[in-house]
Protein backbone atom coordinates (compact mmCIF):
# COMPACT_ATOMS: atom_id res chain seq x y z
CA MET A 1 -24.27 -65.63 -37.48
CA PRO A 2 -25.25 -69.24 -36.75
CA PRO A 3 -22.32 -71.58 -36.17
CA ALA A 4 -20.88 -74.06 -38.61
CA LEU A 5 -17.84 -76.27 -38.62
CA ALA A 6 -16.05 -77.97 -41.46
CA CYS A 7 -12.56 -79.10 -42.26
CA ILE A 8 -9.96 -78.07 -44.80
CA ARG A 9 -8.07 -81.17 -45.94
CA SER A 10 -4.46 -81.27 -47.01
CA GLN A 11 -2.49 -84.45 -47.71
CA GLY A 12 -4.71 -86.49 -45.43
CA ARG A 13 -4.31 -84.13 -42.49
CA THR A 14 -6.96 -81.73 -41.26
CA LYS A 15 -7.07 -78.27 -39.83
CA THR A 16 -10.26 -76.54 -38.76
CA MET A 17 -11.39 -72.94 -38.91
CA TYR A 18 -14.78 -71.30 -38.88
CA ARG A 19 -16.80 -72.23 -41.98
CA TYR A 20 -20.16 -70.96 -43.15
CA ASP A 21 -23.43 -72.87 -42.85
CA GLN A 22 -26.61 -72.53 -44.90
CA TYR A 23 -27.70 -69.36 -43.10
CA ASP A 24 -24.37 -67.66 -43.72
CA HIS A 25 -24.45 -68.57 -47.43
CA GLN A 26 -28.02 -67.35 -47.84
CA MET A 27 -27.27 -64.10 -46.05
CA LEU A 28 -24.34 -63.40 -48.39
CA ALA A 29 -26.36 -64.33 -51.48
CA ASP A 30 -29.11 -61.91 -50.47
CA ARG A 31 -26.60 -59.20 -49.70
CA ILE A 32 -24.87 -59.55 -53.07
CA ALA A 33 -28.17 -59.48 -54.98
CA GLN A 34 -29.13 -56.34 -53.09
CA PHE A 35 -25.84 -54.60 -53.87
CA ARG A 36 -25.94 -55.69 -57.51
CA ASP A 37 -29.29 -53.92 -57.86
CA GLN A 38 -28.01 -50.85 -56.01
CA THR A 39 -24.93 -50.65 -58.24
CA GLN A 40 -26.99 -50.96 -61.42
CA ARG A 41 -29.34 -48.23 -60.25
CA PHE A 42 -26.39 -45.95 -59.42
CA LEU A 43 -24.78 -46.52 -62.84
CA ALA A 44 -28.16 -45.82 -64.47
CA GLY A 45 -28.38 -42.48 -62.66
CA GLN A 46 -31.26 -43.56 -60.43
CA LEU A 47 -29.20 -43.15 -57.23
CA SER A 48 -27.13 -40.06 -56.44
CA ASP A 49 -23.54 -40.15 -55.18
CA ALA A 50 -24.79 -39.26 -51.71
CA GLU A 51 -27.36 -42.06 -51.76
CA PHE A 52 -24.88 -44.63 -53.06
CA LEU A 53 -22.09 -43.67 -50.64
CA PRO A 54 -23.34 -45.54 -47.52
CA LEU A 55 -24.42 -48.50 -49.66
CA ARG A 56 -20.98 -49.02 -51.19
CA LEU A 57 -19.17 -48.43 -47.90
CA GLN A 58 -21.23 -51.19 -46.30
CA ASN A 59 -19.73 -53.47 -48.95
CA GLY A 60 -16.11 -52.39 -48.59
CA LEU A 61 -15.99 -50.16 -51.66
CA TYR A 62 -14.10 -46.85 -51.67
CA VAL A 63 -13.51 -44.33 -54.44
CA GLN A 64 -9.79 -43.62 -54.61
CA ARG A 65 -7.63 -41.26 -56.62
CA LEU A 66 -7.62 -43.27 -59.85
CA ALA A 67 -10.17 -46.06 -59.42
CA PRO A 68 -12.44 -47.73 -56.87
CA MET A 69 -10.77 -49.76 -54.13
CA LEU A 70 -12.35 -52.90 -52.68
CA ARG A 71 -11.25 -54.07 -49.23
CA VAL A 72 -11.88 -57.75 -48.55
CA ALA A 73 -12.45 -58.95 -44.98
CA ILE A 74 -10.13 -61.66 -43.67
CA PRO A 75 -11.28 -62.39 -40.10
CA TYR A 76 -8.31 -62.26 -37.69
CA GLY A 77 -6.05 -62.67 -40.74
CA MET A 78 -6.69 -66.38 -41.39
CA LEU A 79 -6.89 -67.71 -44.94
CA SER A 80 -7.20 -71.15 -46.50
CA SER A 81 -5.32 -72.09 -49.66
CA THR A 82 -8.64 -72.22 -51.51
CA GLN A 83 -9.43 -68.66 -50.46
CA MET A 84 -5.98 -67.40 -51.44
CA ARG A 85 -6.38 -68.91 -54.91
CA LYS A 86 -9.70 -67.13 -55.27
CA LEU A 87 -8.01 -63.83 -54.38
CA ALA A 88 -5.46 -64.54 -57.11
CA PHE A 89 -8.30 -65.19 -59.55
CA ILE A 90 -9.91 -61.86 -58.66
CA ALA A 91 -6.58 -60.06 -59.03
CA ASP A 92 -6.16 -61.48 -62.55
CA HIS A 93 -9.71 -61.09 -63.82
CA PHE A 94 -10.90 -57.90 -62.13
CA ASP A 95 -7.76 -55.98 -61.13
CA LYS A 96 -4.19 -55.51 -62.34
CA GLY A 97 -2.81 -58.82 -61.12
CA TYR A 98 -2.03 -58.04 -57.49
CA GLY A 99 -3.49 -57.23 -54.07
CA HIS A 100 -2.32 -55.22 -51.08
CA LEU A 101 -2.11 -56.59 -47.52
CA THR A 102 -3.34 -54.17 -44.86
CA THR A 103 -2.63 -53.49 -41.20
CA ARG A 104 -6.07 -54.87 -40.30
CA GLN A 105 -5.00 -58.26 -41.69
CA ASN A 106 -7.25 -57.75 -44.73
CA ILE A 107 -6.45 -57.49 -48.44
CA GLN A 108 -7.53 -54.78 -50.84
CA PHE A 109 -7.73 -54.44 -54.61
CA ASN A 110 -6.93 -51.01 -56.01
CA TRP A 111 -8.24 -51.22 -59.58
CA PRO A 112 -11.66 -52.93 -59.84
CA ALA A 113 -14.28 -51.45 -62.15
CA LEU A 114 -17.37 -50.33 -60.25
CA ALA A 115 -19.68 -52.39 -62.45
CA ASP A 116 -17.65 -55.52 -61.66
CA VAL A 117 -17.78 -55.26 -57.86
CA PRO A 118 -21.01 -57.27 -57.37
CA GLU A 119 -19.49 -60.06 -59.46
CA ILE A 120 -16.32 -59.94 -57.35
CA LEU A 121 -18.43 -60.25 -54.21
CA ALA A 122 -20.16 -63.29 -55.73
CA HIS A 123 -16.78 -64.92 -56.34
CA LEU A 124 -15.73 -64.18 -52.76
CA ALA A 125 -18.92 -65.77 -51.44
CA GLU A 126 -18.03 -69.00 -53.26
CA VAL A 127 -15.11 -69.42 -50.83
CA GLU A 128 -16.89 -67.99 -47.78
CA MET A 129 -15.46 -64.49 -47.97
CA HIS A 130 -16.97 -61.01 -48.21
CA ALA A 131 -16.19 -57.30 -47.92
CA ILE A 132 -18.79 -56.45 -45.29
CA GLN A 133 -17.81 -53.96 -42.58
CA THR A 134 -14.36 -53.26 -44.01
CA SER A 135 -15.36 -49.62 -44.35
CA GLY A 136 -17.90 -47.20 -42.98
CA ASN A 137 -18.77 -46.20 -39.43
CA CYS A 138 -19.14 -49.68 -38.01
CA ILE A 139 -17.12 -52.30 -36.12
CA ARG A 140 -14.29 -53.29 -38.45
CA ASN A 141 -12.38 -56.56 -38.77
CA THR A 142 -11.17 -57.73 -35.35
CA THR A 143 -7.42 -58.36 -35.41
CA THR A 144 -5.09 -60.48 -33.30
CA ASP A 145 -1.54 -61.79 -33.06
CA GLN A 146 -0.56 -63.69 -36.21
CA PHE A 147 0.96 -66.44 -34.04
CA ALA A 148 -2.31 -67.12 -32.20
CA GLY A 149 -2.65 -70.81 -31.39
CA VAL A 150 1.01 -71.69 -32.00
CA ALA A 151 3.04 -69.19 -29.95
CA VAL A 152 5.10 -70.55 -27.08
CA ASP A 153 4.28 -67.51 -24.90
CA GLU A 154 0.52 -67.73 -25.35
CA VAL A 155 -1.85 -67.24 -22.43
CA GLU A 156 -4.83 -68.40 -24.48
CA ASP A 157 -5.65 -68.74 -28.17
CA ALA A 158 -7.28 -65.42 -29.08
CA ARG A 159 -8.90 -66.61 -32.32
CA ALA A 160 -11.98 -68.10 -30.66
CA TYR A 161 -12.71 -64.78 -28.98
CA CYS A 162 -12.13 -62.92 -32.25
CA GLU A 163 -14.69 -65.21 -33.88
CA ILE A 164 -17.14 -64.58 -31.06
CA ILE A 165 -16.69 -60.83 -31.52
CA ARG A 166 -17.07 -61.20 -35.29
CA GLN A 167 -20.37 -63.03 -34.99
CA TRP A 168 -21.65 -60.53 -32.43
CA SER A 169 -20.61 -57.43 -34.39
CA THR A 170 -21.51 -58.42 -37.98
CA PHE A 171 -24.79 -56.73 -38.88
CA HIS A 172 -25.32 -55.65 -35.27
CA PRO A 173 -28.42 -53.44 -35.77
CA GLU A 174 -27.50 -50.97 -33.05
CA PHE A 175 -23.90 -50.42 -34.17
CA ALA A 176 -24.24 -50.26 -37.98
CA PHE A 177 -23.98 -46.45 -38.02
CA LEU A 178 -21.64 -45.42 -35.24
CA PRO A 179 -20.27 -41.88 -34.91
CA ARG A 180 -17.07 -43.16 -36.56
CA LYS A 181 -15.30 -46.38 -37.52
CA PHE A 182 -14.47 -48.72 -34.64
CA LYS A 183 -11.56 -51.13 -34.29
CA ILE A 184 -10.96 -53.96 -31.80
CA ALA A 185 -7.80 -56.01 -31.24
CA VAL A 186 -7.36 -59.09 -29.05
CA CYS A 187 -3.94 -60.23 -27.83
CA GLY A 188 -3.35 -63.59 -26.15
CA THR A 189 0.45 -63.64 -26.31
CA GLN A 190 3.12 -62.14 -24.07
CA GLN A 191 4.63 -60.33 -27.04
CA ASP A 192 2.03 -57.97 -28.48
CA GLN A 193 2.15 -58.12 -32.29
CA ALA A 194 -1.32 -56.65 -32.85
CA ALA A 195 -0.77 -53.00 -31.78
CA THR A 196 -3.48 -53.66 -29.18
CA GLN A 197 -3.07 -50.42 -27.25
CA VAL A 198 -3.82 -48.13 -30.20
CA HIS A 199 -7.27 -49.57 -30.91
CA ASP A 200 -10.68 -48.23 -29.94
CA ILE A 201 -10.89 -51.31 -27.72
CA GLY A 202 -7.82 -53.36 -26.85
CA LEU A 203 -8.25 -56.71 -25.11
CA TYR A 204 -5.41 -58.57 -23.40
CA LEU A 205 -6.10 -62.17 -22.41
CA LEU A 206 -4.80 -63.04 -18.96
CA LYS A 207 -5.35 -65.35 -16.01
CA ASN A 208 -6.19 -64.23 -12.48
CA GLU A 209 -4.91 -65.69 -9.22
CA ASN A 210 -7.44 -68.52 -9.56
CA ASN A 211 -6.18 -69.42 -13.03
CA GLU A 212 -9.41 -68.15 -14.60
CA ILE A 213 -9.35 -66.65 -18.09
CA GLY A 214 -10.36 -63.04 -18.55
CA PHE A 215 -9.47 -59.77 -20.23
CA ARG A 216 -7.71 -56.56 -19.40
CA VAL A 217 -9.81 -53.98 -21.23
CA LEU A 218 -8.37 -50.80 -22.74
CA VAL A 219 -10.52 -48.15 -24.41
CA GLY A 220 -9.87 -45.01 -26.42
CA GLY A 221 -6.69 -45.86 -28.26
CA GLY A 222 -6.16 -44.84 -31.85
CA LEU A 223 -3.90 -43.07 -34.33
CA GLY A 224 -4.87 -40.56 -37.01
CA ARG A 225 -4.93 -36.84 -36.31
CA THR A 226 -5.07 -37.34 -32.56
CA PRO A 227 -2.94 -40.36 -31.60
CA VAL A 228 -3.74 -41.83 -28.19
CA ILE A 229 -2.65 -44.86 -26.18
CA GLY A 230 -5.72 -46.66 -24.82
CA SER A 231 -6.72 -46.33 -21.15
CA GLU A 232 -7.48 -49.29 -18.91
CA ILE A 233 -11.08 -49.36 -17.72
CA LYS A 234 -11.20 -52.97 -16.51
CA ALA A 235 -8.25 -54.81 -14.99
CA PHE A 236 -9.92 -58.21 -15.21
CA LEU A 237 -13.13 -58.99 -17.08
CA PRO A 238 -14.21 -62.66 -16.76
CA GLN A 239 -14.43 -64.24 -20.19
CA GLU A 240 -18.15 -65.00 -19.91
CA HIS A 241 -18.88 -61.26 -19.77
CA LEU A 242 -16.93 -60.32 -22.90
CA LEU A 243 -19.87 -59.51 -25.16
CA SER A 244 -22.02 -57.78 -22.57
CA TYR A 245 -19.11 -55.51 -21.61
CA LEU A 246 -18.27 -54.72 -25.22
CA ASP A 247 -21.93 -53.99 -25.83
CA ALA A 248 -21.95 -51.59 -22.88
CA ILE A 249 -18.91 -49.72 -24.22
CA LEU A 250 -20.42 -49.41 -27.69
CA ARG A 251 -23.76 -48.23 -26.28
CA VAL A 252 -22.09 -45.40 -24.37
CA TYR A 253 -20.04 -44.42 -27.41
CA ASN A 254 -22.97 -44.65 -29.81
CA ARG A 255 -25.07 -42.47 -27.55
CA GLU A 256 -22.49 -39.85 -26.55
CA GLY A 257 -19.89 -39.80 -29.34
CA ARG A 258 -19.63 -36.65 -31.45
CA ARG A 259 -21.54 -36.75 -34.72
CA ASP A 260 -21.18 -33.08 -35.64
CA ASN A 261 -17.43 -33.26 -36.41
CA LYS A 262 -15.84 -36.37 -37.91
CA TYR A 263 -12.42 -35.32 -36.63
CA LYS A 264 -13.74 -35.51 -33.07
CA ALA A 265 -16.03 -38.49 -33.52
CA ARG A 266 -13.75 -41.37 -32.46
CA ILE A 267 -14.16 -42.91 -29.03
CA LYS A 268 -10.69 -41.68 -28.05
CA ILE A 269 -12.03 -38.10 -28.09
CA LEU A 270 -15.03 -39.08 -25.98
CA VAL A 271 -12.82 -40.83 -23.43
CA LYS A 272 -10.42 -37.90 -23.31
CA GLU A 273 -13.14 -35.30 -22.90
CA THR A 274 -15.13 -37.38 -20.41
CA GLY A 275 -12.11 -38.57 -18.43
CA THR A 276 -11.14 -42.21 -18.02
CA SER A 277 -12.75 -42.62 -14.60
CA ALA A 278 -16.01 -40.97 -15.62
CA PHE A 279 -16.14 -42.99 -18.83
CA ARG A 280 -15.53 -46.19 -16.87
CA ASP A 281 -18.41 -45.28 -14.57
CA LYS A 282 -20.72 -44.77 -17.54
CA VAL A 283 -19.75 -48.17 -18.97
CA GLU A 284 -20.20 -49.91 -15.63
CA LYS A 285 -23.65 -48.34 -15.22
CA GLU A 286 -24.66 -49.49 -18.70
CA TRP A 287 -23.17 -52.92 -18.08
CA GLN A 288 -25.43 -53.50 -15.10
CA LEU A 289 -28.34 -53.51 -17.56
CA LEU A 290 -26.68 -56.24 -19.62
CA LYS A 291 -24.61 -58.29 -17.21
CA ASP A 292 -25.74 -61.91 -16.74
CA GLY A 293 -28.27 -61.48 -19.54
CA PRO A 294 -28.56 -63.17 -22.97
CA LEU A 295 -25.11 -61.95 -24.03
CA THR A 296 -23.40 -63.99 -21.30
CA LEU A 297 -21.07 -66.56 -22.85
CA THR A 298 -21.79 -70.05 -21.55
CA SER A 299 -19.14 -72.73 -21.19
CA ALA A 300 -20.77 -74.62 -24.05
CA GLU A 301 -20.58 -71.60 -26.35
CA LEU A 302 -16.95 -70.94 -25.48
CA GLU A 303 -16.03 -74.55 -26.15
CA ARG A 304 -17.96 -74.53 -29.41
CA CYS A 305 -15.93 -71.59 -30.69
CA ARG A 306 -12.64 -72.97 -29.40
CA ALA A 307 -13.37 -76.17 -31.32
CA PHE A 308 -13.11 -74.22 -34.59
CA PHE A 309 -9.42 -73.73 -33.88
CA HIS A 310 -8.17 -77.02 -32.49
CA ASP A 311 -4.66 -78.23 -33.33
CA PRO A 312 -4.09 -79.92 -36.68
CA ASP A 313 -2.74 -83.48 -36.85
CA TYR A 314 0.80 -82.71 -35.76
CA LYS A 315 3.41 -85.42 -36.17
CA ALA A 316 5.49 -86.67 -33.27
CA LEU A 317 8.84 -85.12 -34.22
CA PRO A 318 12.19 -84.80 -32.44
CA ALA A 319 13.22 -81.43 -31.12
CA GLN A 320 16.32 -81.37 -33.34
CA SER A 321 16.42 -81.84 -37.10
CA SER A 322 19.62 -83.12 -38.71
CA ALA A 323 18.44 -81.83 -42.11
CA LEU A 324 17.96 -78.37 -40.65
CA GLU A 325 21.35 -78.39 -38.90
CA THR A 326 23.11 -79.46 -42.07
CA ALA A 327 21.45 -76.69 -44.09
CA LEU A 328 22.28 -74.06 -41.46
CA ASN A 329 25.92 -75.10 -41.46
CA THR A 330 26.32 -75.20 -45.24
CA ASP A 331 24.17 -72.37 -46.61
CA VAL A 332 24.85 -68.94 -45.15
CA LEU A 333 21.93 -67.30 -46.98
CA PHE A 334 19.49 -69.84 -45.61
CA ALA A 335 20.95 -69.37 -42.13
CA ALA A 336 20.34 -65.62 -42.36
CA TRP A 337 16.73 -66.20 -43.43
CA TYR A 338 16.21 -68.79 -40.69
CA GLU A 339 17.48 -66.40 -38.03
CA GLN A 340 15.17 -63.58 -39.11
CA ASN A 341 12.08 -65.29 -40.46
CA THR A 342 11.38 -68.28 -38.21
CA SER A 343 9.98 -68.31 -34.69
CA ALA A 344 9.64 -70.91 -31.96
CA HIS A 345 6.55 -73.12 -32.12
CA LYS A 346 4.63 -74.62 -29.20
CA LYS A 347 4.86 -78.07 -30.80
CA THR A 348 8.17 -79.92 -30.75
CA GLY A 349 9.70 -80.31 -34.20
CA TYR A 350 7.77 -77.43 -35.80
CA ALA A 351 8.55 -73.78 -36.55
CA ILE A 352 6.55 -70.68 -37.41
CA VAL A 353 7.62 -69.13 -40.72
CA THR A 354 6.95 -65.51 -41.65
CA ILE A 355 7.18 -64.73 -45.35
CA CYS A 356 8.33 -61.14 -45.61
CA VAL A 357 6.88 -59.45 -48.69
CA LYS A 358 9.13 -56.40 -48.35
CA LYS A 359 11.92 -57.26 -50.76
CA THR A 360 13.68 -54.19 -52.12
CA GLY A 361 12.11 -53.08 -55.39
CA PHE A 362 8.63 -54.32 -54.48
CA ALA A 363 5.89 -52.13 -52.99
CA PRO A 364 5.62 -53.12 -49.30
CA GLY A 365 2.58 -55.31 -48.69
CA ASP A 366 1.85 -56.08 -52.35
CA LEU A 367 1.41 -59.66 -53.60
CA ASP A 368 0.97 -60.53 -57.25
CA SER A 369 -1.39 -63.28 -58.33
CA ASP A 370 1.39 -65.76 -59.14
CA GLN A 371 2.77 -65.31 -55.63
CA MET A 372 -0.71 -65.76 -54.15
CA ARG A 373 -1.20 -69.08 -55.94
CA PHE A 374 2.30 -70.16 -55.07
CA ILE A 375 1.85 -69.40 -51.37
CA ALA A 376 -1.44 -71.31 -51.44
CA ASP A 377 0.46 -74.32 -52.82
CA LEU A 378 3.16 -73.94 -50.16
CA ALA A 379 0.55 -73.74 -47.41
CA GLU A 380 -0.95 -77.02 -48.58
CA ARG A 381 2.42 -78.70 -48.78
CA TYR A 382 3.97 -77.36 -45.61
CA SER A 383 1.33 -75.87 -43.27
CA PHE A 384 -1.99 -77.75 -43.34
CA GLY A 385 -3.47 -75.54 -46.07
CA GLU A 386 -3.68 -72.43 -43.91
CA MET A 387 -1.87 -69.08 -43.69
CA ARG A 388 -2.22 -65.78 -41.83
CA ILE A 389 -1.82 -62.12 -42.78
CA THR A 390 0.10 -60.09 -40.21
CA HIS A 391 -0.53 -56.63 -38.81
CA THR A 392 2.78 -55.63 -40.44
CA GLN A 393 1.69 -56.66 -43.97
CA ASN A 394 3.48 -60.00 -44.18
CA LEU A 395 2.32 -63.63 -44.33
CA VAL A 396 2.72 -66.52 -41.89
CA LEU A 397 2.85 -70.27 -42.40
CA ALA A 398 2.19 -71.28 -38.82
CA ASP A 399 2.96 -75.02 -38.77
CA VAL A 400 6.08 -75.95 -40.72
CA GLU A 401 8.13 -79.04 -39.85
CA LYS A 402 11.74 -78.14 -39.11
CA ASN A 403 12.82 -80.88 -41.51
CA GLU A 404 11.11 -78.97 -44.32
CA LEU A 405 12.40 -75.46 -43.67
CA TYR A 406 15.26 -75.65 -46.17
CA ASN A 407 12.96 -76.98 -48.89
CA LEU A 408 10.46 -74.23 -48.16
CA TRP A 409 13.14 -71.53 -48.37
CA GLN A 410 14.43 -72.85 -51.68
CA ALA A 411 10.89 -72.76 -53.03
CA LEU A 412 10.36 -69.18 -51.82
CA LYS A 413 13.42 -68.05 -53.77
CA THR A 414 11.74 -69.01 -57.04
CA ARG A 415 9.07 -66.31 -56.53
CA ASP A 416 11.14 -63.51 -54.93
CA LEU A 417 9.68 -64.29 -51.51
CA GLU A 418 12.89 -65.17 -49.67
CA ALA A 419 13.52 -61.72 -48.15
CA ASP A 420 15.39 -62.18 -44.86
CA ASN A 421 14.72 -58.72 -43.43
CA LEU A 422 11.81 -59.49 -41.09
CA GLY A 423 11.79 -57.01 -38.21
CA LEU A 424 14.61 -54.98 -39.74
CA LEU A 425 14.48 -51.42 -41.02
CA SER A 426 13.48 -52.33 -44.58
CA ASP A 427 10.53 -54.47 -43.34
CA MET A 428 8.42 -51.35 -43.11
CA ILE A 429 4.70 -50.77 -42.81
CA CYS A 430 3.66 -48.59 -45.70
CA CYS A 431 0.25 -47.35 -46.85
CA PRO A 432 -0.51 -47.09 -50.60
CA GLY A 433 -0.12 -43.31 -50.33
CA GLY A 434 -0.61 -40.75 -53.06
CA ASP A 435 -0.13 -43.26 -55.85
CA PHE A 436 -3.63 -44.52 -55.08
CA CYS A 437 -5.36 -42.82 -52.16
CA SER A 438 -7.35 -39.63 -52.74
CA LEU A 439 -6.75 -38.55 -49.12
CA ALA A 440 -2.95 -38.76 -49.23
CA ASN A 441 -0.75 -35.67 -49.11
CA ALA A 442 2.29 -37.51 -50.45
CA LYS A 443 3.45 -40.72 -52.09
CA SER A 444 4.62 -43.43 -49.68
CA ILE A 445 5.84 -46.24 -51.95
CA PRO A 446 8.71 -44.32 -53.65
CA VAL A 447 9.98 -43.20 -50.25
CA ALA A 448 9.89 -46.77 -48.95
CA GLU A 449 11.84 -48.05 -51.94
CA ALA A 450 14.45 -45.28 -51.69
CA ILE A 451 15.07 -46.13 -48.03
CA GLN A 452 15.28 -49.86 -48.79
CA ARG A 453 17.90 -49.23 -51.47
CA ARG A 454 20.04 -47.15 -49.10
CA PHE A 455 20.81 -50.05 -46.73
CA SER A 456 22.63 -53.25 -47.65
CA ALA A 457 21.62 -56.60 -46.17
CA GLN A 458 24.74 -56.60 -44.01
CA HIS A 459 24.05 -53.08 -42.74
CA LEU A 460 20.47 -54.01 -41.89
CA ARG A 461 21.68 -56.88 -39.71
CA GLU A 462 24.19 -54.63 -37.98
CA ILE A 463 21.39 -52.17 -37.20
CA GLY A 464 19.15 -54.94 -35.86
CA GLN A 465 15.50 -54.73 -34.87
CA LEU A 466 13.99 -51.39 -35.88
CA SER A 467 10.47 -50.60 -37.05
CA LEU A 468 9.90 -47.91 -39.67
CA ASN A 469 6.33 -46.96 -40.61
CA ILE A 470 5.21 -44.64 -43.42
CA SER A 471 1.84 -42.89 -43.82
CA GLY A 472 0.87 -40.68 -46.74
CA CYS A 473 -1.42 -38.52 -44.61
CA MET A 474 -2.65 -37.88 -41.07
CA ASN A 475 -5.16 -40.75 -41.27
CA ALA A 476 -2.12 -42.86 -40.31
CA CYS A 477 -2.96 -46.02 -42.26
CA GLY A 478 0.77 -46.76 -42.14
CA HIS A 479 0.77 -46.43 -38.33
CA HIS A 480 3.67 -43.97 -38.41
CA HIS A 481 2.93 -42.85 -34.83
CA VAL A 482 4.02 -46.23 -33.42
CA GLY A 483 7.06 -46.88 -35.59
CA ASN A 484 10.45 -46.59 -33.90
CA ILE A 485 10.95 -44.23 -36.83
CA GLY A 486 7.77 -42.73 -38.28
CA ILE A 487 7.42 -40.91 -41.59
CA LEU A 488 4.36 -38.80 -42.39
CA GLY A 489 3.65 -37.24 -45.77
CA VAL A 490 2.61 -33.58 -45.50
CA ASP A 491 1.65 -30.90 -47.98
CA LYS A 492 3.79 -27.79 -47.93
CA LYS A 493 2.52 -25.16 -50.36
CA GLY A 494 1.53 -27.81 -52.88
CA GLU A 495 4.75 -29.83 -52.57
CA GLU A 496 5.26 -33.22 -50.93
CA TYR A 497 7.33 -33.17 -47.74
CA PHE A 498 7.89 -35.72 -44.99
CA GLN A 499 7.79 -35.28 -41.25
CA ILE A 500 9.94 -37.58 -39.10
CA SER A 501 9.07 -38.88 -35.64
CA LEU A 502 11.09 -41.06 -33.27
CA GLY A 503 10.38 -43.30 -30.30
CA GLY A 504 7.11 -44.94 -31.28
CA SER A 505 6.31 -48.51 -30.30
CA ALA A 506 3.32 -50.81 -30.83
CA ASP A 507 4.18 -53.58 -28.35
CA HIS A 508 3.22 -54.03 -24.70
CA ASN A 509 5.27 -50.90 -23.93
CA ALA A 510 3.34 -48.88 -26.49
CA ALA A 511 4.50 -45.32 -27.13
CA LEU A 512 3.74 -42.55 -29.58
CA GLY A 513 6.62 -41.11 -31.55
CA LYS A 514 7.67 -37.49 -31.13
CA ILE A 515 8.23 -35.21 -34.09
CA VAL A 516 11.91 -34.40 -34.55
CA GLY A 517 11.42 -31.04 -36.22
CA PRO A 518 10.70 -29.44 -39.59
CA SER A 519 9.90 -31.74 -42.51
CA PHE A 520 12.14 -32.85 -45.37
CA SER A 521 11.78 -33.20 -49.12
CA GLN A 522 11.42 -36.66 -50.65
CA ASP A 523 15.01 -36.66 -51.90
CA GLU A 524 16.31 -35.88 -48.40
CA VAL A 525 14.51 -38.73 -46.61
CA PRO A 526 17.04 -41.56 -47.24
CA ASP A 527 19.86 -39.33 -45.91
CA VAL A 528 17.73 -38.44 -42.90
CA ILE A 529 17.15 -42.10 -42.03
CA ASP A 530 20.85 -42.80 -42.54
CA LYS A 531 21.79 -40.06 -40.06
CA ILE A 532 19.30 -41.33 -37.48
CA VAL A 533 20.74 -44.84 -37.78
CA ASN A 534 24.29 -43.50 -37.46
CA VAL A 535 23.45 -41.76 -34.18
CA TYR A 536 21.97 -45.00 -32.88
CA GLN A 537 24.98 -47.07 -33.89
CA GLN A 538 27.40 -44.59 -32.37
CA HIS A 539 25.67 -44.52 -28.99
CA LYS A 540 24.03 -47.92 -28.50
CA ALA A 541 25.14 -50.25 -25.75
CA PRO A 542 26.06 -53.83 -26.75
CA GLY A 543 22.91 -55.64 -27.84
CA GLU A 544 20.71 -52.58 -27.27
CA LYS A 545 17.77 -52.09 -29.63
CA PHE A 546 17.06 -48.78 -31.31
CA ILE A 547 14.00 -48.01 -29.20
CA ASN A 548 15.94 -48.57 -25.98
CA THR A 549 18.82 -46.38 -27.14
CA TYR A 550 16.38 -43.63 -28.09
CA ASN A 551 14.61 -43.85 -24.73
CA ARG A 552 17.97 -43.59 -22.97
CA LEU A 553 19.39 -40.76 -25.05
CA GLY A 554 16.29 -38.73 -25.76
CA MET A 555 15.66 -36.65 -28.87
CA GLU A 556 18.52 -34.16 -28.82
CA PRO A 557 21.39 -36.23 -30.33
CA PHE A 558 19.16 -37.20 -33.26
CA LYS A 559 17.91 -33.65 -33.73
CA GLU A 560 21.45 -32.32 -33.71
CA ALA A 561 22.49 -34.82 -36.37
CA LEU A 562 19.57 -33.84 -38.61
CA TYR A 563 19.57 -30.08 -38.22
CA GLY A 564 22.76 -29.01 -36.45
CA ASN A 565 22.74 -25.24 -36.26
CA LYS A 566 20.66 -24.93 -39.41
CA SER A 567 17.26 -25.74 -37.94
CA ASP A 568 16.29 -22.07 -38.15
CA ASP A 569 16.62 -22.29 -41.93
CA HIS A 570 13.74 -24.79 -42.12
CA THR A 571 10.12 -23.78 -42.22
CA THR A 572 8.25 -25.28 -39.28
CA ASP A 573 5.27 -27.41 -40.38
């Protein structure tokens, strides 16, 4: 799409992000008019289900268990306050008053009426949003670290490259109907918070010995029925060759990927069957046809895209805040929240705040419309009118003055948004599951709530950092494979059961969890998690995280605690 640049203003300060120009607006208007006509023809019986299927998928519309589901694209997770308020409006007028944050940093609505979807898309276009390429066999929303641009451990701000990839991939004529859906993640920080290694393409920003920016390229990662950690095919790709190399990878996949079996259609299967070295050779051969051609990124183009994401008008602030120190010393609840939910910021006097929307009693990842509007107001007051959705279904205010942290926390309490469990066991990734999804084997949300209720706030802090991910089926939307503890809903003779895995990780040391053994009923799951935690607490070294204890001990102590000598009494799944 052609470039455009505009500013979002908040209290006299400015922050920039990519904004649409006249071509973008016209393209969306044409697209909406086209889909409005298609929807009307389908409802009138002039298009069959099979004919309408690819048309609705191209516009982010699924048919779920109880109603359609519309997934809205949020490029690299960034939202303005204006856009968040529009999402709240849509939730109130076209849904049931809430939305669900996803692991691709998008948001989805679970209850829109089919006839209303074109009107919803028109409302989204008013604030430069859409639902294009959030479904179907195409390149999906490119994700990145939610701290991009403000992290202290950042090699390079990944957002500019995500925007470059977005503009290249949107409506790419050659890659609109791939063998299967395709996901790309870009990580520019030392701590990987984007699950980069379990994407079809994972890109790590790095610098070579000459201090030049480039990418380490991984291919063939993914979860689902066949979970795979991506394989490196390029140790250092100069930044100017990003698009031509991506194009080469997609050409090989589009040409050679399986189309006869959707379960074997992902690029991870092609890489596995071809072999990493042979696949790399195919990509390199294709790349020679593209390298140094029109897709080469010039310095001017790179700077143009970086300019979309320049720093806001930060104040010159001291490193220490007396207001913050006073609050930490006098309010123990605030101190607990501060410890869990704030992170170091590259700019002196500022902090990164993560709003954890995983309070016990609330479906993980859900935001109601009042909370959406409230967070939009907070973003304008405290964080330059901008917020980010995280890979783990939370929200970030990236630029909060330390002096204002106590005021922000007090405000969050008024809308049940003050949960201080970020990174702890109850801050779980959870798909909508059988309550909504027609593909699910089991309900995820009741299991999540039952586990949350089992552990007190004090116990959670004693346990420490531990990721727990829940998926309602093998499609792995809850990323259970890379949770330290993973829970997968399975069907056992028409009844809902849950399979447990241990040892998964989504960071730079990515690992796939291993199944402990036979599955458990829904009522058993909280006890199962309790027993796993007890083994960890009994055997951990001082300060040792769960994943490190598991890697040291192995599976057997956990298996013994769960099954003892009764494992033969369980039916193997």
